[in-house]
Structures are given as structure tokens and as C-alpha cells.
Amino acid sequence: MQLAPETVTLGVLAGGRATRLGGLDKAWLRGRGQPQVLRIIACLAHRCGRVLVSANRGMEHYAAHALVAVADRHADLGPIAGLDALAAKCETPWLFTLPVDVLDCDTRVLDTLAAALGQGAVARDGDGLQPLVALYDVAGLRTALARAIAAGQYSVQGLQQTMQLPVVDMHDLRFGNLNTPTDLQQAGYDVD
């Protein structure tokens, strides 16, 4: 199933602290010819009618590129806070999320997740479960987020289980990530 682009918002989760990278802002790391966040958006924007970025710093960089960045509404909750910020600002029925440190933003992922129907789906690649690579029905997500945050349950995987999102196996893909200096070096990213 292919969702119409105007019904989907691409939500890039870029609000983390990157502690294993000494606090570097992963969104603006340069690799493959451009900053990471712009590379992801360029890869998938044609499949999504809107783009949002969950970010808690460097807002001027996003504004300079005409990107809508939203800060966490709840401090220190981890990725679920970024998901909450994206869901609150999302104006389309569907939200497709990717972490900013993903290396392979294969365009087939959105269609594969959409084929699961229901309230959305979460991806499992060749490396295992990837809870931040997911598709959500925004109305259901907002309800589930409100309940989870009120109950002090901040696990994205727990939220997805509560929503009964199916896990879609994409074992032939490896999304990869940029978590450590070694990851950056192996992927050919600039850290200066």
C-alpha cells in the first residue's frame, strides 16, 4: 500500500544529546556531501507532504533551511518526548518517524510499513528491532502518548506495544546509525 504524500508527515527525531559522541549535534554532521538531517529529508521528502524535525538545540540552523523544528514539550524523557513533540505539531493523518542518525533511508520502508495497515507499524531490519523507524496513525499516537506520559511510562517500545503496532520484518535492510566515533569514521562523516 502506498500512502498519498499529502497524508504523511516525515518526522525526524533529532533531539537527543549524543552523549557517546561527546554531545555533537548529529543533525548537522556532514557526510555523503551534506548535513545528516538534510540528507534524510532529501531522500524521503518526495514521499511525505510535510516535514518536521524534533530538535532541542540549533533551531537557527533549521530555520536557515526553512525547516520546522519542534522542541520537546516534556524535558528529559528521551525519544518519547521527541515523538510527543512531533505528534503534537503533525497536521497529517500519518507520521513516519526516523532517527536523525540513520544511515540508510531506503524509500521502500514507508510503503512496507504502510502495508501493515492498522494504527501503523514498526520496523525490524537485519540488525533487529528499530523502534524509531515507525509509521503511526496520528490520532491513535496522540492518545497513547498522553496516557503513557501521564503514567510515567517513557519507553517507545512500550508505547508501540500498547498501540499493538505490528513489527514488520525488513531483514534485507540495515538502517545503520551514528552513535560512536567509530560509526562516524566507518561511514565517512566529518567530525570537525
Foldseek 3Di string as FASTA:
>chain_A
DADAQAQEEEEEEQADQLVQAVRDRQQQWDAPHGGLVVVLCVQAVVSHVHYEYEYDDPVVVCVVVVHHYWYFPDPPLPRLSSVLRCLVPDPHQKYFFDYSFWDDNDNCLVVQQCVQDAQTAFEAELVGTDLRGIMGRSVLLNVLSVVCVVVVNRDSVVSCVVSVHYYGYHHVDDRAGDRHPVSCVVRVIDDD
